[in-house]
């Protein structure tokens, strides 16, 4: 095939190389497993440049979702909870996932239901901005849950 995509027919590799050198192009195997192998005449440097340009464009259009963390405690006061709530709302509005963590200290672990209640109240409070993706789980001395941002309704 030539650089415009028109078929040149079946020929030996020597003839194809001579044709490529004559036109100052590269001979590139497109389908080496085919019988006979399919080759194309092209400027390989330009092809690689356009390929990398397309990849950069795709990467630029991707939305990177990171995981932000908000730490609570079993004995958190109302004002502190308000501050954590505002931060959590900001993280979710930016499109990030949220990890809500409670670390139990000392004998607090004996009353993990208090921590579960704090998590439940926080989840209800933040339900306008996010959806609980992973319910509260107790792992060692930590309890955590994952909250994903709510999908914004598309305007038509």
N, C-alpha and C. Protein backbone atom coordinates (compact mmCIF):
# COMPACT_ATOMS: atom_id res chain seq x y z
N UNK A 1 0.85 -1.18 0.00
CA UNK A 1 0.00 0.00 0.00
C UNK A 1 0.90 1.24 0.00
N UNK A 2 0.45 2.29 -0.69
CA UNK A 2 1.23 3.52 -0.64
C UNK A 2 0.68 4.42 0.47
N UNK A 3 1.24 5.62 0.62
CA UNK A 3 0.87 6.47 1.75
C UNK A 3 -0.57 6.98 1.67
N UNK A 4 -1.20 6.92 0.51
CA UNK A 4 -2.59 7.33 0.37
C UNK A 4 -3.56 6.19 0.67
N UNK A 5 -3.03 4.96 0.79
CA UNK A 5 -3.88 3.81 1.10
C UNK A 5 -4.27 2.99 -0.11
N UNK A 6 -3.76 3.35 -1.29
CA UNK A 6 -4.11 2.57 -2.48
C UNK A 6 -3.23 1.33 -2.56
N UNK A 7 -3.81 0.24 -3.06
CA UNK A 7 -3.10 -1.04 -3.15
C UNK A 7 -2.09 -0.97 -4.30
N UNK A 8 -0.87 -1.41 -4.02
CA UNK A 8 0.16 -1.47 -5.06
C UNK A 8 0.34 -2.90 -5.56
N UNK A 9 -0.30 -3.85 -4.89
CA UNK A 9 -0.22 -5.24 -5.32
C UNK A 9 0.86 -6.01 -4.58
N UNK A 10 0.96 -7.31 -4.88
CA UNK A 10 1.94 -8.18 -4.24
C UNK A 10 3.28 -8.00 -4.95
N UNK A 11 4.34 -7.77 -4.16
CA UNK A 11 5.69 -7.62 -4.72
C UNK A 11 6.71 -8.12 -3.71
N UNK A 12 7.93 -8.31 -4.18
CA UNK A 12 8.98 -8.80 -3.28
C UNK A 12 9.39 -7.67 -2.33
N UNK A 13 10.02 -8.05 -1.22
CA UNK A 13 10.43 -7.05 -0.24
C UNK A 13 11.51 -6.13 -0.83
N UNK A 14 12.34 -6.66 -1.72
CA UNK A 14 13.39 -5.85 -2.35
C UNK A 14 12.75 -4.76 -3.22
N UNK A 15 11.73 -5.14 -4.01
CA UNK A 15 11.04 -4.15 -4.86
C UNK A 15 10.37 -3.09 -4.00
N UNK A 16 9.75 -3.53 -2.90
CA UNK A 16 9.05 -2.60 -2.01
C UNK A 16 10.05 -1.62 -1.38
N UNK A 17 11.21 -2.12 -0.96
CA UNK A 17 12.23 -1.24 -0.37
C UNK A 17 12.76 -0.23 -1.40
N UNK A 18 12.96 -0.68 -2.63
CA UNK A 18 13.43 0.23 -3.67
C UNK A 18 12.39 1.32 -3.93
N UNK A 19 11.12 0.94 -3.94
CA UNK A 19 10.04 1.89 -4.15
C UNK A 19 9.99 2.91 -3.00
N UNK A 20 10.20 2.44 -1.78
CA UNK A 20 10.19 3.32 -0.62
C UNK A 20 11.35 4.31 -0.67
N UNK A 21 12.55 3.82 -1.03
CA UNK A 21 13.71 4.71 -1.11
C UNK A 21 13.54 5.73 -2.23
N UNK A 22 12.93 5.30 -3.32
CA UNK A 22 12.68 6.18 -4.46
C UNK A 22 11.79 7.36 -4.05
N UNK A 23 10.77 7.07 -3.21
CA UNK A 23 9.83 8.11 -2.77
C UNK A 23 10.27 8.76 -1.46
N UNK A 24 11.44 8.39 -0.94
CA UNK A 24 11.99 8.89 0.32
C UNK A 24 11.01 8.67 1.49
N UNK A 25 10.50 7.44 1.57
CA UNK A 25 9.58 7.04 2.64
C UNK A 25 10.11 5.79 3.31
N UNK A 26 9.45 5.36 4.38
CA UNK A 26 9.82 4.15 5.10
C UNK A 26 8.84 3.04 4.74
N UNK A 27 9.33 1.80 4.75
CA UNK A 27 8.48 0.63 4.51
C UNK A 27 8.14 0.04 5.88
N UNK A 28 6.85 0.08 6.25
CA UNK A 28 6.41 -0.35 7.57
C UNK A 28 5.47 -1.53 7.43
N UNK A 29 5.76 -2.61 8.19
CA UNK A 29 4.86 -3.77 8.19
C UNK A 29 3.64 -3.45 9.05
N UNK A 30 2.48 -3.57 8.44
CA UNK A 30 1.23 -3.30 9.16
C UNK A 30 0.69 -4.59 9.75
N UNK A 31 0.66 -5.65 8.96
CA UNK A 31 0.18 -6.95 9.41
C UNK A 31 1.24 -8.00 9.07
N UNK A 32 2.24 -8.19 9.94
CA UNK A 32 3.32 -9.14 9.64
C UNK A 32 2.87 -10.60 9.66
N UNK A 33 1.78 -10.92 10.34
CA UNK A 33 1.32 -12.32 10.43
C UNK A 33 0.50 -12.74 9.21
N UNK A 34 0.11 -11.80 8.36
CA UNK A 34 -0.68 -12.13 7.18
C UNK A 34 0.20 -12.82 6.13
N UNK A 35 -0.43 -13.57 5.24
CA UNK A 35 0.28 -14.25 4.15
C UNK A 35 -0.18 -13.65 2.84
N UNK A 36 0.57 -12.93 2.08
CA UNK A 36 1.88 -12.35 2.38
C UNK A 36 1.73 -11.16 3.35
N UNK A 37 2.82 -10.78 4.07
CA UNK A 37 2.73 -9.68 5.03
C UNK A 37 2.32 -8.37 4.33
N UNK A 38 1.50 -7.58 5.02
CA UNK A 38 1.03 -6.31 4.45
C UNK A 38 1.96 -5.20 4.93
N UNK A 39 2.48 -4.42 3.97
CA UNK A 39 3.38 -3.32 4.27
C UNK A 39 2.81 -2.03 3.70
N UNK A 40 3.25 -0.92 4.28
CA UNK A 40 2.75 0.37 3.82
C UNK A 40 3.92 1.33 3.70
N UNK A 41 3.90 2.18 2.68
CA UNK A 41 4.89 3.22 2.51
C UNK A 41 4.43 4.45 3.29
N UNK A 42 5.25 4.92 4.24
CA UNK A 42 4.86 6.10 5.02
C UNK A 42 6.09 6.75 5.61
N UNK A 43 5.92 7.97 6.09
CA UNK A 43 6.97 8.67 6.83
C UNK A 43 6.79 8.27 8.29
N UNK A 44 7.66 7.36 8.74
CA UNK A 44 7.47 6.75 10.06
C UNK A 44 7.65 7.77 11.19
N UNK A 45 8.55 8.71 11.04
CA UNK A 45 8.76 9.75 12.06
C UNK A 45 7.51 10.59 12.25
N UNK A 46 6.89 10.97 11.14
CA UNK A 46 5.67 11.76 11.20
C UNK A 46 4.53 10.95 11.82
N UNK A 47 4.47 9.66 11.49
CA UNK A 47 3.45 8.76 12.03
C UNK A 47 3.58 8.67 13.55
N UNK A 48 4.82 8.47 14.05
CA UNK A 48 5.04 8.36 15.50
C UNK A 48 4.70 9.67 16.19
N UNK A 49 5.03 10.80 15.57
CA UNK A 49 4.72 12.11 16.15
C UNK A 49 3.21 12.28 16.30
N UNK A 50 2.46 11.94 15.25
CA UNK A 50 0.99 12.07 15.30
C UNK A 50 0.39 11.12 16.33
N UNK A 51 0.96 9.93 16.45
CA UNK A 51 0.50 8.95 17.45
C UNK A 51 0.68 9.51 18.86
N UNK A 52 1.86 10.06 19.15
CA UNK A 52 2.12 10.60 20.49
C UNK A 52 1.24 11.82 20.75
N UNK A 53 0.97 12.59 19.70
CA UNK A 53 0.10 13.76 19.83
C UNK A 53 -1.31 13.32 20.22
N UNK A 54 -1.82 12.25 19.59
CA UNK A 54 -3.15 11.71 19.92
C UNK A 54 -3.19 11.21 21.36
N UNK A 55 -2.12 10.52 21.78
CA UNK A 55 -2.07 9.99 23.15
C UNK A 55 -2.08 11.12 24.17
N UNK A 56 -1.33 12.20 23.90
CA UNK A 56 -1.32 13.35 24.81
C UNK A 56 -2.70 13.97 24.91
N UNK A 57 -3.40 14.06 23.78
CA UNK A 57 -4.75 14.63 23.76
C UNK A 57 -5.70 13.78 24.59
N UNK A 58 -5.60 12.47 24.46
CA UNK A 58 -6.46 11.55 25.24
C UNK A 58 -6.16 11.70 26.73
N UNK A 59 -4.87 11.77 27.08
CA UNK A 59 -4.49 11.92 28.49
C UNK A 59 -4.99 13.23 29.07
N UNK A 60 -4.97 14.29 28.24
CA UNK A 60 -5.40 15.60 28.70
C UNK A 60 -6.89 15.61 29.02
N UNK A 61 -7.67 14.85 28.25
CA UNK A 61 -9.12 14.83 28.44
C UNK A 61 -9.58 13.89 29.54
N UNK A 62 -8.67 13.10 30.12
CA UNK A 62 -9.07 12.19 31.19
C UNK A 62 -9.24 12.96 32.49
N UNK A 63 -10.21 12.53 33.29
CA UNK A 63 -10.43 13.11 34.61
C UNK A 63 -9.80 12.19 35.64
N UNK A 64 -8.83 12.71 36.39
CA UNK A 64 -8.15 11.91 37.40
C UNK A 64 -8.92 12.03 38.71
N UNK A 65 -9.34 10.90 39.24
CA UNK A 65 -10.06 10.89 40.51
C UNK A 65 -9.10 10.45 41.59
N UNK A 66 -8.91 11.31 42.58
CA UNK A 66 -8.04 10.93 43.68
C UNK A 66 -8.88 10.69 44.93
N UNK A 67 -8.27 10.06 45.90
CA UNK A 67 -8.95 9.72 47.14
C UNK A 67 -8.50 10.69 48.22
N UNK A 68 -9.43 11.49 48.73
CA UNK A 68 -9.14 12.44 49.81
C UNK A 68 -9.65 11.84 51.11
N UNK A 69 -9.01 12.22 52.21
CA UNK A 69 -9.38 11.62 53.49
C UNK A 69 -9.83 12.68 54.48
N UNK A 70 -10.89 12.33 55.23
CA UNK A 70 -11.38 13.16 56.32
C UNK A 70 -11.35 12.29 57.56
N UNK A 71 -10.68 12.76 58.61
CA UNK A 71 -10.58 11.97 59.84
C UNK A 71 -11.53 12.52 60.89
N UNK A 72 -12.32 11.62 61.44
CA UNK A 72 -13.22 11.96 62.53
C UNK A 72 -12.76 11.21 63.77
N UNK A 73 -13.41 11.47 64.89
CA UNK A 73 -13.15 10.67 66.08
C UNK A 73 -14.49 10.31 66.70
N UNK A 74 -14.48 9.33 67.56
CA UNK A 74 -15.73 8.88 68.19
C UNK A 74 -16.31 9.96 69.09
N UNK A 75 -15.45 10.83 69.60
CA UNK A 75 -15.91 11.88 70.53
C UNK A 75 -15.82 13.26 69.90
N UNK A 76 -16.08 13.37 68.62
CA UNK A 76 -15.94 14.65 67.90
C UNK A 76 -17.04 15.63 68.32
N UNK A 77 -16.67 16.88 68.44
CA UNK A 77 -17.62 17.93 68.81
C UNK A 77 -18.31 18.47 67.56
N UNK A 78 -19.41 19.19 67.77
CA UNK A 78 -20.22 19.68 66.65
C UNK A 78 -19.45 20.61 65.72
N UNK A 79 -18.70 21.56 66.27
CA UNK A 79 -17.98 22.51 65.43
C UNK A 79 -16.91 21.80 64.59
N UNK A 80 -16.20 20.86 65.21
CA UNK A 80 -15.18 20.10 64.46
C UNK A 80 -15.84 19.29 63.34
N UNK A 81 -17.01 18.75 63.63
CA UNK A 81 -17.74 17.98 62.61
C UNK A 81 -18.16 18.89 61.45
N UNK A 82 -18.55 20.14 61.78
CA UNK A 82 -18.91 21.10 60.73
C UNK A 82 -17.72 21.40 59.81
N UNK A 83 -16.53 21.55 60.40
CA UNK A 83 -15.32 21.83 59.62
C UNK A 83 -15.03 20.66 58.69
N UNK A 84 -15.09 19.43 59.23
CA UNK A 84 -14.84 18.22 58.42
C UNK A 84 -15.90 18.11 57.31
N UNK A 85 -17.14 18.46 57.62
CA UNK A 85 -18.23 18.40 56.64
C UNK A 85 -17.95 19.35 55.47
N UNK A 86 -17.53 20.58 55.79
CA UNK A 86 -17.25 21.56 54.73
C UNK A 86 -16.10 21.08 53.84
N UNK A 87 -15.05 20.52 54.46
CA UNK A 87 -13.94 20.00 53.66
C UNK A 87 -14.41 18.85 52.77
N UNK A 88 -15.23 17.96 53.33
CA UNK A 88 -15.72 16.81 52.58
C UNK A 88 -16.56 17.26 51.39
N UNK A 89 -17.41 18.26 51.60
CA UNK A 89 -18.24 18.78 50.50
C UNK A 89 -17.36 19.35 49.40
N UNK A 90 -16.31 20.09 49.80
CA UNK A 90 -15.39 20.67 48.81
C UNK A 90 -14.70 19.56 48.00
N UNK A 91 -14.25 18.49 48.68
CA UNK A 91 -13.59 17.39 47.98
C UNK A 91 -14.54 16.72 46.99
N UNK A 92 -15.78 16.48 47.43
CA UNK A 92 -16.74 15.80 46.56
C UNK A 92 -17.14 16.68 45.37
N UNK A 93 -17.26 17.98 45.59
CA UNK A 93 -17.61 18.87 44.48
C UNK A 93 -16.48 18.97 43.46
N UNK A 94 -15.24 18.76 43.91
CA UNK A 94 -14.10 18.75 42.98
C UNK A 94 -14.04 17.45 42.19
N UNK A 95 -14.91 16.48 42.52
CA UNK A 95 -14.95 15.21 41.79
C UNK A 95 -14.08 14.13 42.38
N UNK A 96 -13.58 14.33 43.60
CA UNK A 96 -12.73 13.33 44.25
C UNK A 96 -13.56 12.38 45.11
N UNK A 97 -13.05 11.18 45.28
CA UNK A 97 -13.68 10.26 46.22
C UNK A 97 -13.21 10.64 47.61
N UNK A 98 -13.96 10.19 48.61
CA UNK A 98 -13.69 10.59 49.98
C UNK A 98 -13.59 9.36 50.87
N UNK A 99 -12.55 9.32 51.68
CA UNK A 99 -12.38 8.25 52.66
C UNK A 99 -12.59 8.88 54.03
N UNK A 100 -13.62 8.43 54.73
CA UNK A 100 -13.93 8.95 56.06
C UNK A 100 -13.40 7.93 57.06
N UNK A 101 -12.53 8.37 57.97
CA UNK A 101 -11.85 7.47 58.89
C UNK A 101 -12.09 7.89 60.34
N UNK A 102 -12.31 6.90 61.19
CA UNK A 102 -12.35 7.12 62.64
C UNK A 102 -11.29 6.22 63.25
N UNK A 103 -10.41 6.80 64.05
CA UNK A 103 -9.39 6.01 64.75
C UNK A 103 -9.78 5.92 66.21
N UNK A 104 -9.95 4.70 66.68
CA UNK A 104 -10.31 4.48 68.07
C UNK A 104 -9.05 4.43 68.91
N UNK A 105 -9.04 5.18 70.01
CA UNK A 105 -7.87 5.24 70.88
C UNK A 105 -8.19 4.60 72.22
N UNK A 106 -7.21 3.92 72.75
CA UNK A 106 -7.36 3.32 74.07
C UNK A 106 -8.55 2.38 74.15
N UNK A 107 -9.41 2.65 75.14
CA UNK A 107 -10.57 1.76 75.35
C UNK A 107 -11.79 2.14 74.52
N UNK A 108 -11.66 3.12 73.64
CA UNK A 108 -12.78 3.51 72.79
C UNK A 108 -13.24 2.36 71.89
N UNK A 109 -12.33 1.46 71.57
CA UNK A 109 -12.63 0.35 70.68
C UNK A 109 -13.73 -0.54 71.25
N UNK A 110 -13.88 -0.53 72.59
CA UNK A 110 -14.93 -1.33 73.23
C UNK A 110 -16.31 -0.78 72.87
N UNK A 111 -16.37 0.49 72.48
CA UNK A 111 -17.65 1.12 72.12
C UNK A 111 -17.62 1.56 70.66
N UNK A 112 -17.32 0.63 69.78
CA UNK A 112 -17.22 0.96 68.36
C UNK A 112 -18.57 1.37 67.78
N UNK A 113 -19.66 1.02 68.46
CA UNK A 113 -21.00 1.41 67.98
C UNK A 113 -21.16 2.93 68.01
N UNK A 114 -20.45 3.62 68.91
CA UNK A 114 -20.49 5.09 68.94
C UNK A 114 -19.86 5.64 67.66
N UNK A 115 -18.74 5.06 67.27
CA UNK A 115 -18.08 5.46 66.02
C UNK A 115 -18.96 5.18 64.82
N UNK A 116 -19.65 4.03 64.84
CA UNK A 116 -20.55 3.68 63.73
C UNK A 116 -21.69 4.70 63.64
N UNK A 117 -22.16 5.16 64.79
CA UNK A 117 -23.24 6.17 64.81
C UNK A 117 -22.74 7.49 64.23
N UNK A 118 -21.51 7.89 64.59
CA UNK A 118 -20.92 9.13 64.05
C UNK A 118 -20.80 9.02 62.54
N UNK A 119 -20.34 7.86 62.06
CA UNK A 119 -20.22 7.64 60.61
C UNK A 119 -21.57 7.73 59.92
N UNK A 120 -22.58 7.11 60.53
CA UNK A 120 -23.93 7.11 59.94
C UNK A 120 -24.47 8.53 59.83
N UNK A 121 -24.30 9.31 60.89
CA UNK A 121 -24.77 10.70 60.88
C UNK A 121 -24.02 11.52 59.83
N UNK A 122 -22.72 11.30 59.71
CA UNK A 122 -21.91 12.03 58.72
C UNK A 122 -22.36 11.66 57.31
N UNK A 123 -22.65 10.38 57.08
CA UNK A 123 -23.10 9.91 55.77
C UNK A 123 -24.45 10.54 55.41
N UNK A 124 -25.36 10.63 56.39
CA UNK A 124 -26.67 11.25 56.14
C UNK A 124 -26.50 12.73 55.81
N UNK A 125 -25.59 13.37 56.55
CA UNK A 125 -25.37 14.79 56.37
C UNK A 125 -24.80 15.12 55.00
N UNK A 126 -23.95 14.24 54.50
CA UNK A 126 -23.24 14.48 53.23
C UNK A 126 -23.97 13.86 52.03
N UNK A 127 -25.11 13.22 52.27
CA UNK A 127 -25.82 12.48 51.21
C UNK A 127 -26.24 13.36 50.04
N UNK A 128 -26.34 14.67 50.24
CA UNK A 128 -26.71 15.58 49.16
C UNK A 128 -25.60 15.68 48.11
N UNK A 129 -24.36 15.48 48.53
CA UNK A 129 -23.20 15.65 47.65
C UNK A 129 -22.55 14.34 47.23
N UNK A 130 -22.75 13.28 48.02
CA UNK A 130 -22.06 12.03 47.70
C UNK A 130 -22.89 10.80 48.06
N UNK A 131 -22.47 9.67 47.51
CA UNK A 131 -23.12 8.39 47.73
C UNK A 131 -22.12 7.47 48.43
N UNK A 132 -22.58 6.79 49.48
CA UNK A 132 -21.71 5.87 50.19
C UNK A 132 -21.44 4.68 49.28
N UNK A 133 -20.16 4.54 48.88
CA UNK A 133 -19.77 3.48 47.97
C UNK A 133 -19.41 2.22 48.76
N UNK A 134 -18.85 2.42 49.94
CA UNK A 134 -18.46 1.30 50.80
C UNK A 134 -18.89 1.62 52.22
N UNK A 135 -19.77 0.83 52.77
CA UNK A 135 -20.31 1.05 54.11
C UNK A 135 -19.19 1.02 55.15
N UNK A 136 -19.43 1.61 56.34
CA UNK A 136 -18.39 1.63 57.37
C UNK A 136 -17.91 0.23 57.74
N UNK A 137 -16.59 0.06 57.76
CA UNK A 137 -15.96 -1.23 58.06
C UNK A 137 -14.94 -1.01 59.17
N UNK A 138 -14.91 -1.92 60.14
CA UNK A 138 -13.94 -1.84 61.22
C UNK A 138 -12.76 -2.73 60.88
N UNK A 139 -11.56 -2.11 60.80
CA UNK A 139 -10.34 -2.84 60.52
C UNK A 139 -9.32 -2.49 61.58
N UNK A 140 -9.09 -3.39 62.50
CA UNK A 140 -8.18 -3.11 63.60
C UNK A 140 -8.76 -2.03 64.49
N UNK A 141 -8.01 -0.94 64.67
CA UNK A 141 -8.49 0.18 65.49
C UNK A 141 -9.11 1.29 64.64
N UNK A 142 -9.23 1.07 63.34
CA UNK A 142 -9.78 2.08 62.44
C UNK A 142 -11.10 1.63 61.85
N UNK A 143 -12.00 2.58 61.68
CA UNK A 143 -13.25 2.34 60.98
C UNK A 143 -13.26 3.32 59.81
N UNK A 144 -13.57 2.82 58.62
CA UNK A 144 -13.59 3.73 57.49
C UNK A 144 -14.72 3.40 56.53
N UNK A 145 -15.09 4.41 55.73
CA UNK A 145 -16.06 4.22 54.65
C UNK A 145 -15.60 5.08 53.48
N UNK A 146 -16.05 4.70 52.30
CA UNK A 146 -15.70 5.41 51.07
C UNK A 146 -16.97 6.08 50.52
N UNK A 147 -16.86 7.35 50.17
CA UNK A 147 -17.97 8.12 49.61
C UNK A 147 -17.56 8.60 48.23
N UNK A 148 -18.41 8.34 47.24
CA UNK A 148 -18.15 8.79 45.87
C UNK A 148 -19.01 10.01 45.57
N UNK A 149 -18.53 10.92 44.74
CA UNK A 149 -19.34 12.10 44.40
C UNK A 149 -20.57 11.72 43.61
N UNK A 150 -21.66 12.45 43.83
CA UNK A 150 -22.88 12.20 43.05
C UNK A 150 -22.67 12.69 41.64
N UNK A 151 -23.28 11.99 40.69
CA UNK A 151 -23.20 12.41 39.29
C UNK A 151 -24.00 13.69 39.11
N UNK A 152 -23.40 14.65 38.44
CA UNK A 152 -24.12 15.90 38.18
C UNK A 152 -25.07 15.68 37.02
N UNK A 153 -26.33 16.13 37.14
CA UNK A 153 -27.26 15.95 36.03
C UNK A 153 -26.82 16.76 34.82
N UNK A 154 -26.81 16.12 33.66
CA UNK A 154 -26.39 16.80 32.43
C UNK A 154 -27.50 17.69 31.93
N UNK A 155 -27.13 18.92 31.53
CA UNK A 155 -28.13 19.85 31.03
C UNK A 155 -28.17 19.77 29.51
N UNK A 156 -29.39 19.67 28.97
CA UNK A 156 -29.55 19.57 27.51
C UNK A 156 -29.98 20.87 26.92
